[in-house]
């Protein structure tokens, strides 16, 4: 998926993506442990910062994850983590 990102973010974007990849690893561990508190916290964090990087879809997945974790819906949390992972993996960036 091609995303246009503000050129001013070009230097910090790789760090942002690395941090989200770490979040994904922690999400997978949290799914195994059924740790809904951590799932909710990471979902909240990503929902709050994704749009600032032009990643509205990632923010939507994260917001839905936060909500599903609050409701302790494990299957839905698993689906959303996969969607987040696929989204990040499929990113193609164009800095404008």
N, C-alpha and C. Protein backbone atom coordinates (compact mmCIF):
# COMPACT_ATOMS: atom_id res chain seq x y z
N UNK A 1 0.84 -1.17 0.00
CA UNK A 1 0.00 0.00 0.00
C UNK A 1 0.89 1.24 0.00
N UNK A 2 0.68 2.11 -0.96
CA UNK A 2 1.47 3.33 -1.09
C UNK A 2 0.87 4.41 -0.20
N UNK A 3 1.69 4.97 0.66
CA UNK A 3 1.28 6.02 1.57
C UNK A 3 2.18 7.23 1.31
N UNK A 4 1.56 8.39 1.15
CA UNK A 4 2.33 9.62 1.03
C UNK A 4 2.53 10.19 2.43
N UNK A 5 3.80 10.47 2.74
CA UNK A 5 4.17 10.94 4.07
C UNK A 5 4.90 12.27 3.92
N UNK A 6 4.66 13.17 4.84
CA UNK A 6 5.33 14.47 4.83
C UNK A 6 6.84 14.28 4.85
N UNK A 7 7.51 14.97 3.95
CA UNK A 7 8.96 14.87 3.81
C UNK A 7 9.69 15.17 5.13
N UNK A 8 9.10 16.00 5.96
CA UNK A 8 9.71 16.35 7.25
C UNK A 8 9.84 15.13 8.17
N UNK A 9 9.08 14.08 7.91
CA UNK A 9 9.12 12.88 8.74
C UNK A 9 10.08 11.82 8.21
N UNK A 10 10.75 12.10 7.11
CA UNK A 10 11.60 11.09 6.46
C UNK A 10 12.68 10.55 7.38
N UNK A 11 13.28 11.41 8.20
CA UNK A 11 14.35 10.95 9.10
C UNK A 11 13.83 10.14 10.28
N UNK A 12 12.65 10.47 10.77
CA UNK A 12 12.13 9.79 11.97
C UNK A 12 11.24 8.59 11.65
N UNK A 13 10.80 8.49 10.41
CA UNK A 13 9.87 7.42 10.06
C UNK A 13 10.44 6.02 10.28
N UNK A 14 11.70 5.77 9.91
CA UNK A 14 12.24 4.43 10.17
C UNK A 14 12.23 4.06 11.66
N UNK A 15 12.47 5.03 12.52
CA UNK A 15 12.43 4.77 13.96
C UNK A 15 11.00 4.45 14.38
N UNK A 16 10.04 5.19 13.84
CA UNK A 16 8.64 4.94 14.16
C UNK A 16 8.25 3.52 13.77
N UNK A 17 8.64 3.10 12.57
CA UNK A 17 8.30 1.76 12.10
C UNK A 17 8.99 0.69 12.96
N UNK A 18 10.25 0.91 13.31
CA UNK A 18 10.94 -0.05 14.19
C UNK A 18 10.21 -0.18 15.52
N UNK A 19 9.76 0.93 16.06
CA UNK A 19 9.01 0.89 17.32
C UNK A 19 7.71 0.13 17.17
N UNK A 20 7.05 0.28 16.03
CA UNK A 20 5.80 -0.47 15.81
C UNK A 20 6.08 -1.96 15.64
N UNK A 21 7.21 -2.30 15.04
CA UNK A 21 7.58 -3.71 14.93
C UNK A 21 7.84 -4.32 16.30
N UNK A 22 8.44 -3.54 17.19
CA UNK A 22 8.61 -4.00 18.58
C UNK A 22 7.24 -4.17 19.24
N UNK A 23 6.35 -3.22 18.99
CA UNK A 23 4.99 -3.35 19.53
C UNK A 23 4.34 -4.63 19.04
N UNK A 24 4.52 -4.96 17.77
CA UNK A 24 3.92 -6.18 17.22
C UNK A 24 4.46 -7.42 17.92
N UNK A 25 5.75 -7.44 18.19
CA UNK A 25 6.32 -8.58 18.93
C UNK A 25 5.69 -8.67 20.31
N UNK A 26 5.54 -7.53 20.98
CA UNK A 26 4.92 -7.52 22.31
C UNK A 26 3.44 -7.89 22.24
N UNK A 27 2.78 -7.51 21.16
CA UNK A 27 1.38 -7.89 20.99
C UNK A 27 1.24 -9.40 20.85
N UNK A 28 2.13 -10.00 20.08
CA UNK A 28 2.06 -11.45 19.90
C UNK A 28 2.29 -12.19 21.22
N UNK A 29 3.25 -11.72 22.00
CA UNK A 29 3.50 -12.31 23.32
C UNK A 29 2.27 -12.13 24.21
N UNK A 30 1.69 -10.94 24.15
CA UNK A 30 0.51 -10.65 24.97
C UNK A 30 -0.69 -11.51 24.56
N UNK A 31 -0.81 -11.79 23.26
CA UNK A 31 -1.88 -12.68 22.82
C UNK A 31 -1.70 -14.07 23.41
N UNK A 32 -0.47 -14.57 23.36
CA UNK A 32 -0.19 -15.90 23.92
C UNK A 32 -0.53 -15.94 25.40
N UNK A 33 -0.25 -14.87 26.10
CA UNK A 33 -0.48 -14.80 27.55
C UNK A 33 -1.90 -14.37 27.90
N UNK A 34 -2.65 -13.99 26.88
CA UNK A 34 -3.99 -13.45 27.08
C UNK A 34 -3.95 -12.25 28.02
N UNK A 35 -2.94 -11.42 27.80
CA UNK A 35 -2.73 -10.21 28.62
C UNK A 35 -3.46 -9.05 27.95
N UNK A 36 -4.72 -8.93 28.26
CA UNK A 36 -5.56 -7.92 27.63
C UNK A 36 -5.16 -6.50 28.02
N UNK A 37 -4.56 -6.34 29.20
CA UNK A 37 -4.13 -5.01 29.62
C UNK A 37 -3.04 -4.48 28.69
N UNK A 38 -2.05 -5.30 28.36
CA UNK A 38 -0.97 -4.88 27.47
C UNK A 38 -1.52 -4.67 26.05
N UNK A 39 -2.38 -5.55 25.60
CA UNK A 39 -2.99 -5.39 24.28
C UNK A 39 -3.71 -4.03 24.20
N UNK A 40 -4.44 -3.72 25.24
CA UNK A 40 -5.18 -2.47 25.29
C UNK A 40 -4.24 -1.26 25.32
N UNK A 41 -3.17 -1.35 26.11
CA UNK A 41 -2.21 -0.24 26.22
C UNK A 41 -1.52 0.04 24.89
N UNK A 42 -1.05 -1.01 24.24
CA UNK A 42 -0.37 -0.82 22.96
C UNK A 42 -1.36 -0.32 21.90
N UNK A 43 -2.55 -0.87 21.90
CA UNK A 43 -3.57 -0.39 20.97
C UNK A 43 -3.83 1.09 21.16
N UNK A 44 -3.95 1.51 22.39
CA UNK A 44 -4.19 2.93 22.71
C UNK A 44 -3.04 3.80 22.22
N UNK A 45 -1.81 3.37 22.48
CA UNK A 45 -0.63 4.14 22.09
C UNK A 45 -0.56 4.31 20.57
N UNK A 46 -0.72 3.21 19.85
CA UNK A 46 -0.62 3.26 18.39
C UNK A 46 -1.80 4.03 17.80
N UNK A 47 -2.98 3.86 18.36
CA UNK A 47 -4.14 4.62 17.88
C UNK A 47 -3.90 6.11 18.00
N UNK A 48 -3.17 6.49 19.03
CA UNK A 48 -2.91 7.91 19.27
C UNK A 48 -1.82 8.51 18.41
N UNK A 49 -0.91 7.69 17.89
CA UNK A 49 0.20 8.29 17.15
C UNK A 49 0.24 7.96 15.66
N UNK A 50 -0.51 7.00 15.20
CA UNK A 50 -0.42 6.56 13.80
C UNK A 50 -0.84 7.65 12.81
N UNK A 51 -1.90 8.37 13.12
CA UNK A 51 -2.40 9.39 12.19
C UNK A 51 -1.37 10.50 11.97
N UNK A 52 -0.59 10.81 12.99
CA UNK A 52 0.44 11.83 12.86
C UNK A 52 1.52 11.46 11.86
N UNK A 53 1.59 10.18 11.53
CA UNK A 53 2.55 9.69 10.54
C UNK A 53 1.86 9.33 9.22
N UNK A 54 0.60 9.70 9.11
CA UNK A 54 -0.14 9.44 7.88
C UNK A 54 -0.66 8.02 7.75
N UNK A 55 -0.72 7.30 8.86
CA UNK A 55 -1.11 5.89 8.84
C UNK A 55 -2.47 5.71 9.51
N UNK A 56 -3.49 6.31 8.90
CA UNK A 56 -4.82 6.28 9.49
C UNK A 56 -5.37 4.87 9.63
N UNK A 57 -5.11 4.01 8.65
CA UNK A 57 -5.62 2.63 8.75
C UNK A 57 -5.00 1.89 9.93
N UNK A 58 -3.70 2.09 10.14
CA UNK A 58 -3.04 1.47 11.30
C UNK A 58 -3.69 1.98 12.58
N UNK A 59 -3.97 3.26 12.63
CA UNK A 59 -4.63 3.84 13.80
C UNK A 59 -6.00 3.24 14.04
N UNK A 60 -6.73 2.98 12.96
CA UNK A 60 -8.06 2.36 13.09
C UNK A 60 -7.95 0.94 13.63
N UNK A 61 -7.00 0.16 13.09
CA UNK A 61 -6.80 -1.20 13.61
C UNK A 61 -6.45 -1.15 15.09
N UNK A 62 -5.59 -0.22 15.46
CA UNK A 62 -5.14 -0.11 16.84
C UNK A 62 -6.28 0.30 17.77
N UNK A 63 -7.11 1.22 17.30
CA UNK A 63 -8.26 1.65 18.11
C UNK A 63 -9.21 0.48 18.32
N UNK A 64 -9.44 -0.30 17.25
CA UNK A 64 -10.29 -1.48 17.37
C UNK A 64 -9.67 -2.52 18.31
N UNK A 65 -8.34 -2.64 18.27
CA UNK A 65 -7.64 -3.55 19.17
C UNK A 65 -7.85 -3.12 20.62
N UNK A 66 -7.71 -1.84 20.87
CA UNK A 66 -7.91 -1.32 22.22
C UNK A 66 -9.31 -1.68 22.73
N UNK A 67 -10.30 -1.49 21.89
CA UNK A 67 -11.68 -1.79 22.26
C UNK A 67 -11.90 -3.29 22.47
N UNK A 68 -11.37 -4.10 21.56
CA UNK A 68 -11.53 -5.56 21.67
C UNK A 68 -10.82 -6.10 22.90
N UNK A 69 -9.67 -5.54 23.21
CA UNK A 69 -8.94 -5.98 24.41
C UNK A 69 -9.71 -5.59 25.67
N UNK A 70 -10.31 -4.42 25.66
CA UNK A 70 -11.11 -4.00 26.82
C UNK A 70 -12.28 -4.96 27.04
N UNK A 71 -12.80 -5.50 25.94
CA UNK A 71 -13.92 -6.45 26.02
C UNK A 71 -13.45 -7.90 26.13
N UNK A 72 -12.12 -8.09 26.18
CA UNK A 72 -11.51 -9.42 26.30
C UNK A 72 -11.94 -10.38 25.18
N UNK A 73 -11.97 -9.85 23.96
CA UNK A 73 -12.33 -10.65 22.78
C UNK A 73 -11.04 -11.13 22.11
N UNK A 74 -10.56 -12.27 22.53
CA UNK A 74 -9.26 -12.77 22.09
C UNK A 74 -9.21 -12.99 20.58
N UNK A 75 -10.24 -13.63 20.01
CA UNK A 75 -10.24 -13.90 18.57
C UNK A 75 -10.14 -12.61 17.77
N UNK A 76 -10.90 -11.61 18.18
CA UNK A 76 -10.87 -10.33 17.47
C UNK A 76 -9.51 -9.65 17.64
N UNK A 77 -8.93 -9.73 18.81
CA UNK A 77 -7.59 -9.17 19.04
C UNK A 77 -6.57 -9.84 18.12
N UNK A 78 -6.66 -11.15 18.00
CA UNK A 78 -5.74 -11.88 17.12
C UNK A 78 -5.86 -11.41 15.68
N UNK A 79 -7.08 -11.25 15.20
CA UNK A 79 -7.31 -10.80 13.82
C UNK A 79 -6.73 -9.40 13.61
N UNK A 80 -6.93 -8.54 14.58
CA UNK A 80 -6.46 -7.16 14.45
C UNK A 80 -4.94 -7.08 14.47
N UNK A 81 -4.29 -7.89 15.28
CA UNK A 81 -2.83 -7.91 15.30
C UNK A 81 -2.29 -8.37 13.95
N UNK A 82 -2.92 -9.37 13.37
CA UNK A 82 -2.52 -9.83 12.02
C UNK A 82 -2.71 -8.70 11.01
N UNK A 83 -3.82 -7.99 11.09
CA UNK A 83 -4.06 -6.88 10.17
C UNK A 83 -3.00 -5.78 10.34
N UNK A 84 -2.65 -5.49 11.57
CA UNK A 84 -1.62 -4.48 11.83
C UNK A 84 -0.28 -4.93 11.25
N UNK A 85 0.06 -6.18 11.47
CA UNK A 85 1.32 -6.72 10.96
C UNK A 85 1.36 -6.67 9.44
N UNK A 86 0.29 -7.12 8.79
CA UNK A 86 0.22 -7.10 7.33
C UNK A 86 0.29 -5.68 6.79
N UNK A 87 -0.36 -4.76 7.47
CA UNK A 87 -0.37 -3.37 7.05
C UNK A 87 1.06 -2.80 7.07
N UNK A 88 1.75 -3.01 8.17
CA UNK A 88 3.12 -2.49 8.28
C UNK A 88 4.05 -3.16 7.28
N UNK A 89 3.90 -4.46 7.12
CA UNK A 89 4.74 -5.21 6.18
C UNK A 89 4.52 -4.73 4.75
N UNK A 90 3.30 -4.34 4.41
CA UNK A 90 2.97 -3.95 3.05
C UNK A 90 3.14 -2.47 2.73
N UNK A 91 3.67 -1.71 3.68
CA UNK A 91 3.81 -0.27 3.46
C UNK A 91 4.83 0.05 2.37
N UNK A 92 4.43 0.93 1.49
CA UNK A 92 5.35 1.56 0.54
C UNK A 92 5.21 3.05 0.77
N UNK A 93 6.32 3.71 1.03
CA UNK A 93 6.27 5.12 1.41
C UNK A 93 6.76 6.02 0.30
N UNK A 94 6.08 7.13 0.16
CA UNK A 94 6.51 8.18 -0.76
C UNK A 94 6.54 9.47 0.06
N UNK A 95 7.71 10.04 0.22
CA UNK A 95 7.84 11.26 1.00
C UNK A 95 7.64 12.46 0.09
N UNK A 96 6.66 13.30 0.45
CA UNK A 96 6.31 14.45 -0.38
C UNK A 96 6.41 15.75 0.39
